[in-house]
C-alpha atoms as a PDB file:
ATOM      1  CA  MET A   1       7.351 -34.499 -16.094  1.00  0.00           C
ATOM      2  CA  ALA A   2       5.410 -31.330 -15.256  1.00  0.00           C
ATOM      3  CA  PRO A   3       1.796 -31.134 -16.400  1.00  0.00           C
ATOM      4  CA  ALA A   4       0.901 -28.990 -19.409  1.00  0.00           C
ATOM      5  CA  TRP A   5      -0.280 -25.793 -17.741  1.00  0.00           C
ATOM      6  CA  ARG A   6      -2.747 -23.372 -19.296  1.00  0.00           C
ATOM      7  CA  ALA A   7      -3.392 -20.016 -17.639  1.00  0.00           C
ATOM      8  CA  ALA A   8      -6.339 -17.783 -18.483  1.00  0.00           C
ATOM      9  CA  PRO A   9      -8.634 -15.175 -16.961  1.00  0.00           C
ATOM     10  CA  LEU A  10     -10.794 -16.857 -14.320  1.00  0.00           C
ATOM     11  CA  PRO A  11     -14.484 -16.942 -15.283  1.00  0.00           C
ATOM     12  CA  LYS A  12     -17.251 -16.513 -12.697  1.00  0.00           C
ATOM     13  CA  ALA A  13     -18.264 -20.135 -13.236  1.00  0.00           C
ATOM     14  CA  HIS A  14     -14.907 -21.257 -11.781  1.00  0.00           C
ATOM     15  CA  CYS A  15     -15.011 -19.155  -8.600  1.00  0.00           C
ATOM     16  CA  ALA A  16     -16.418 -22.018  -6.503  1.00  0.00           C
ATOM     17  CA  ALA A  17     -13.523 -24.263  -7.576  1.00  0.00           C
ATOM     18  CA  ALA A  18     -11.077 -21.409  -6.926  1.00  0.00           C
ATOM     19  CA  ALA A  19     -12.565 -20.939  -3.438  1.00  0.00           C
ATOM     20  CA  ALA A  20     -12.070 -24.655  -2.734  1.00  0.00           C
ATOM     21  CA  ILE A  21      -8.381 -24.262  -3.628  1.00  0.00           C
ATOM     22  CA  GLU A  22      -8.211 -21.047  -1.572  1.00  0.00           C
ATOM     23  CA  ALA A  23      -9.567 -23.000   1.417  1.00  0.00           C
ATOM     24  CA  THR A  24      -6.172 -24.755   1.591  1.00  0.00           C
ATOM     25  CA  ALA A  25      -4.408 -21.420   2.270  1.00  0.00           C
ATOM     26  CA  THR A  26      -3.748 -19.939   5.711  1.00  0.00           C
ATOM     27  CA  GLU A  27      -5.930 -16.880   5.016  1.00  0.00           C
ATOM     28  CA  PRO A  28      -8.275 -18.020   2.239  1.00  0.00           C
ATOM     29  CA  TRP A  29     -10.577 -15.957   0.072  1.00  0.00           C
ATOM     30  CA  THR A  30     -14.205 -17.072  -0.046  1.00  0.00           C
ATOM     31  CA  GLU A  31     -16.246 -17.599  -3.190  1.00  0.00           C
ATOM     32  CA  ALA A  32     -18.176 -14.407  -2.393  1.00  0.00           C
ATOM     33  CA  GLN A  33     -14.931 -12.435  -2.097  1.00  0.00           C
ATOM     34  CA  LEU A  34     -13.642 -13.835  -5.385  1.00  0.00           C
ATOM     35  CA  LEU A  35     -16.901 -12.968  -7.148  1.00  0.00           C
ATOM     36  CA  GLN A  36     -16.849  -9.477  -5.659  1.00  0.00           C
ATOM     37  CA  GLU A  37     -13.255  -8.958  -6.816  1.00  0.00           C
ATOM     38  CA  LEU A  38     -14.111 -10.253 -10.279  1.00  0.00           C
ATOM     39  CA  ASP A  39     -16.876  -7.631 -10.529  1.00  0.00           C
ATOM     40  CA  ALA A  40     -14.644  -4.799  -9.271  1.00  0.00           C
ATOM     41  CA  PRO A  41     -13.248  -2.538 -12.016  1.00  0.00           C
ATOM     42  CA  ALA A  42      -9.677  -3.046 -10.732  1.00  0.00           C
ATOM     43  CA  GLY A  43     -10.035  -6.794 -10.115  1.00  0.00           C
ATOM     44  CA  ARG A  44      -8.118  -9.249 -12.270  1.00  0.00           C
ATOM     45  CA  LEU A  45      -8.403 -12.981 -11.572  1.00  0.00           C
ATOM     46  CA  PHE A  46      -6.455 -15.702 -13.330  1.00  0.00           C
ATOM     47  CA  GLY A  47      -6.784 -19.463 -13.221  1.00  0.00           C
ATOM     48  CA  LEU A  48      -4.270 -22.190 -13.951  1.00  0.00           C
ATOM     49  CA  TYR A  49      -5.532 -25.355 -15.574  1.00  0.00           C
ATOM     50  CA  THR A  50      -4.306 -28.780 -16.538  1.00  0.00           C
ATOM     51  CA  GLY A  51      -6.804 -30.010 -19.069  1.00  0.00           C
ATOM     52  CA  GLU A  52     -10.115 -28.645 -17.802  1.00  0.00           C
ATOM     53  CA  THR A  53      -9.174 -28.933 -14.116  1.00  0.00           C
ATOM     54  CA  LEU A  54      -8.510 -25.737 -12.184  1.00  0.00           C
ATOM     55  CA  CYS A  55      -5.221 -26.135 -10.316  1.00  0.00           C
ATOM     56  CA  GLY A  56      -4.656 -22.646  -8.965  1.00  0.00           C
ATOM     57  CA  ALA A  57      -5.866 -19.077  -8.888  1.00  0.00           C
ATOM     58  CA  ALA A  58      -4.355 -15.629  -8.549  1.00  0.00           C
ATOM     59  CA  VAL A  59      -6.101 -12.407  -7.572  1.00  0.00           C
ATOM     60  CA  PHE A  60      -4.688  -9.055  -8.631  1.00  0.00           C
ATOM     61  CA  GLN A  61      -5.827  -5.477  -8.656  1.00  0.00           C
ATOM     62  CA  LEU A  62      -4.798  -3.115 -11.431  1.00  0.00           C
ATOM     63  CA  ALA A  63      -4.987   0.645 -10.951  1.00  0.00           C
ATOM     64  CA  ALA A  64      -3.324   2.993 -13.423  1.00  0.00           C
ATOM     65  CA  ASP A  65       0.093   1.422 -14.085  1.00  0.00           C
ATOM     66  CA  GLU A  66       0.357  -0.511 -10.792  1.00  0.00           C
ATOM     67  CA  ALA A  67      -0.706  -4.082 -10.198  1.00  0.00           C
ATOM     68  CA  SER A  68      -1.010  -5.616  -6.768  1.00  0.00           C
ATOM     69  CA  LEU A  69      -0.995  -9.366  -6.128  1.00  0.00           C
ATOM     70  CA  GLU A  70      -3.639 -10.016  -3.484  1.00  0.00           C
ATOM     71  CA  SER A  71      -3.603 -13.813  -3.427  1.00  0.00           C
ATOM     72  CA  VAL A  72      -2.112 -16.783  -5.232  1.00  0.00           C
ATOM     73  CA  THR A  73      -2.979 -20.322  -4.219  1.00  0.00           C
ATOM     74  CA  ILE A  74      -2.114 -23.583  -5.903  1.00  0.00           C
ATOM     75  CA  ALA A  75      -3.953 -26.826  -5.118  1.00  0.00           C
ATOM     76  CA  PRO A  76      -1.806 -28.884  -2.713  1.00  0.00           C
ATOM     77  CA  GLU A  77      -1.304 -31.742  -5.185  1.00  0.00           C
ATOM     78  CA  HIS A  78       0.200 -29.327  -7.741  1.00  0.00           C
ATOM     79  CA  ARG A  79       2.541 -27.408  -5.443  1.00  0.00           C
ATOM     80  CA  GLY A  80       6.248 -27.665  -6.120  1.00  0.00           C
ATOM     81  CA  LYS A  81       5.700 -28.583  -9.781  1.00  0.00           C
ATOM     82  CA  GLY A  82       6.043 -25.167 -11.428  1.00  0.00           C
ATOM     83  CA  ALA A  83       2.350 -24.301 -11.233  1.00  0.00           C
ATOM     84  CA  GLY A  84       2.843 -21.064  -9.310  1.00  0.00           C
ATOM     85  CA  ARG A  85       5.530 -19.906 -11.717  1.00  0.00           C
ATOM     86  CA  ALA A  86       3.332 -20.740 -14.738  1.00  0.00           C
ATOM     87  CA  LEU A  87       0.328 -18.917 -13.295  1.00  0.00           C
ATOM     88  CA  LEU A  88       2.229 -15.811 -12.231  1.00  0.00           C
ATOM     89  CA  THR A  89       4.262 -15.610 -15.445  1.00  0.00           C
ATOM     90  CA  HIS A  90       1.043 -15.566 -17.477  1.00  0.00           C
ATOM     91  CA  ALA A  91      -0.737 -13.151 -15.143  1.00  0.00           C
ATOM     92  CA  LEU A  92       2.144 -10.674 -15.013  1.00  0.00           C
ATOM     93  CA  ALA A  93       2.424 -10.711 -18.818  1.00  0.00           C
ATOM     94  CA  ALA A  94      -1.331 -10.098 -19.149  1.00  0.00           C
ATOM     95  CA  LEU A  95      -1.166  -7.229 -16.640  1.00  0.00           C
ATOM     96  CA  LYS A  96       1.792  -5.719 -18.480  1.00  0.00           C
ATOM     97  CA  ALA A  97      -0.204  -5.910 -21.719  1.00  0.00           C
ATOM     98  CA  GLU A  98      -2.932  -3.909 -19.933  1.00  0.00           C
ATOM     99  CA  GLY A  99      -0.428  -1.200 -19.036  1.00  0.00           C
ATOM    100  CA  ALA A 100       0.975  -2.272 -15.677  1.00  0.00           C
ATOM    101  CA  ALA A 101       4.566  -1.113 -15.210  1.00  0.00           C
ATOM    102  CA  LEU A 102       4.983  -2.295 -11.606  1.00  0.00           C
ATOM    103  CA  CYS A 103       3.615  -5.049  -9.425  1.00  0.00           C
ATOM    104  CA  PHE A 104       3.586  -5.099  -5.624  1.00  0.00           C
ATOM    105  CA  LEU A 105       2.822  -7.910  -3.201  1.00  0.00           C
ATOM    106  CA  GLU A 106       3.075  -8.883   0.449  1.00  0.00           C
ATOM    107  CA  VAL A 107       4.419 -12.262   1.470  1.00  0.00           C
ATOM    108  CA  ARG A 108       4.945 -13.939   4.813  1.00  0.00           C
ATOM    109  CA  ALA A 109       8.495 -13.175   5.927  1.00  0.00           C
ATOM    110  CA  HIS A 110       9.239 -16.879   6.548  1.00  0.00           C
ATOM    111  CA  ASN A 111       7.603 -18.329   3.427  1.00  0.00           C
ATOM    112  CA  ALA A 112      10.832 -19.500   1.773  1.00  0.00           C
ATOM    113  CA  PRO A 113       9.228 -21.211  -1.278  1.00  0.00           C
ATOM    114  CA  ALA A 114       7.164 -18.107  -2.123  1.00  0.00           C
ATOM    115  CA  LEU A 115      10.118 -15.774  -1.546  1.00  0.00           C
ATOM    116  CA  ALA A 116      12.250 -17.873  -3.908  1.00  0.00           C
ATOM    117  CA  LEU A 117       9.534 -17.878  -6.576  1.00  0.00           C
ATOM    118  CA  TYR A 118       8.973 -14.132  -6.343  1.00  0.00           C
ATOM    119  CA  ALA A 119      12.721 -13.441  -6.506  1.00  0.00           C
ATOM    120  CA  ALA A 120      12.993 -15.679  -9.594  1.00  0.00           C
ATOM    121  CA  LEU A 121      10.215 -13.603 -11.193  1.00  0.00           C
ATOM    122  CA  GLY A 122      12.132 -10.372 -10.562  1.00  0.00           C
ATOM    123  CA  PHE A 123      10.562  -9.188  -7.301  1.00  0.00           C
ATOM    124  CA  GLU A 124      12.731  -7.397  -4.749  1.00  0.00           C
ATOM    125  CA  SER A 125      11.990  -6.711  -1.100  1.00  0.00           C
ATOM    126  CA  VAL A 126      11.241  -3.018  -0.548  1.00  0.00           C
ATOM    127  CA  GLY A 127       9.778  -2.999   2.968  1.00  0.00           C
ATOM    128  CA  ARG A 128       8.300  -4.864   5.906  1.00  0.00           C
ATOM    129  CA  ARG A 129       4.842  -4.677   7.497  1.00  0.00           C
ATOM    130  CA  LYS A 130       4.960  -5.692  11.175  1.00  0.00           C
ATOM    131  CA  ASN A 131       2.306  -8.224  12.236  1.00  0.00           C
ATOM    132  CA  PHE A 132       0.544  -7.953   8.873  1.00  0.00           C
ATOM    133  CA  TYR A 133      -0.733 -11.523   8.984  1.00  0.00           C
ATOM    134  CA  LYS A 134      -3.007 -12.751  11.751  1.00  0.00           C
ATOM    135  CA  ASN A 135      -3.324 -16.523  11.266  1.00  0.00           C
ATOM    136  CA  PRO A 136      -0.651 -17.154  12.517  1.00  0.00           C
ATOM    137  CA  PRO A 137       0.785 -13.723  13.350  1.00  0.00           C
ATOM    138  CA  GLU A 138       3.746 -12.839  11.159  1.00  0.00           C
ATOM    139  CA  ASP A 139       5.410  -9.915   9.436  1.00  0.00           C
ATOM    140  CA  ALA A 140       4.980  -9.403   5.703  1.00  0.00           C
ATOM    141  CA  LEU A 141       7.712  -8.463   3.324  1.00  0.00           C
ATOM    142  CA  VAL A 142       6.612  -5.960   0.687  1.00  0.00           C
ATOM    143  CA  MET A 143       8.027  -6.862  -2.695  1.00  0.00           C
ATOM    144  CA  ARG A 144       8.055  -4.997  -5.990  1.00  0.00           C
ATOM    145  CA  ALA A 145       8.847  -5.903  -9.590  1.00  0.00           C
ATOM    146  CA  GLU A 146       9.108  -3.811 -12.703  1.00  0.00           C
ATOM    147  CA  LEU A 147       7.099  -5.326 -15.519  1.00  0.00           C
END
């Protein structure tokens, strides 16, 4: 049985925990970067919780009617259990409520689980960025969804 997920805007007090989860990603955001993004006018950060425990975080930017997913990371012990879907579903709905009509993202071209999740959420591939990622080097697919 999947945990009871609760998604909400990420408060500053949870940025250290979010950075610890980010540290499990291939190109993690630091606590300082998360705090800086949280203070930016376009920055939108969301956390996913089970009980009071932070299980994942997503970083977006919102400018005019376009959102951009900058990062989404789920704690390793919660991956493959619907956590990413729960977090992104909430975040995209919140961004839509703020006026976002579109959302863009880049994803590693060979990241099959992420590609499947994004497709299930309505994202379509609209381009490719050669050698976008550095650690390890890989192309990114640019994906877009109408909200």
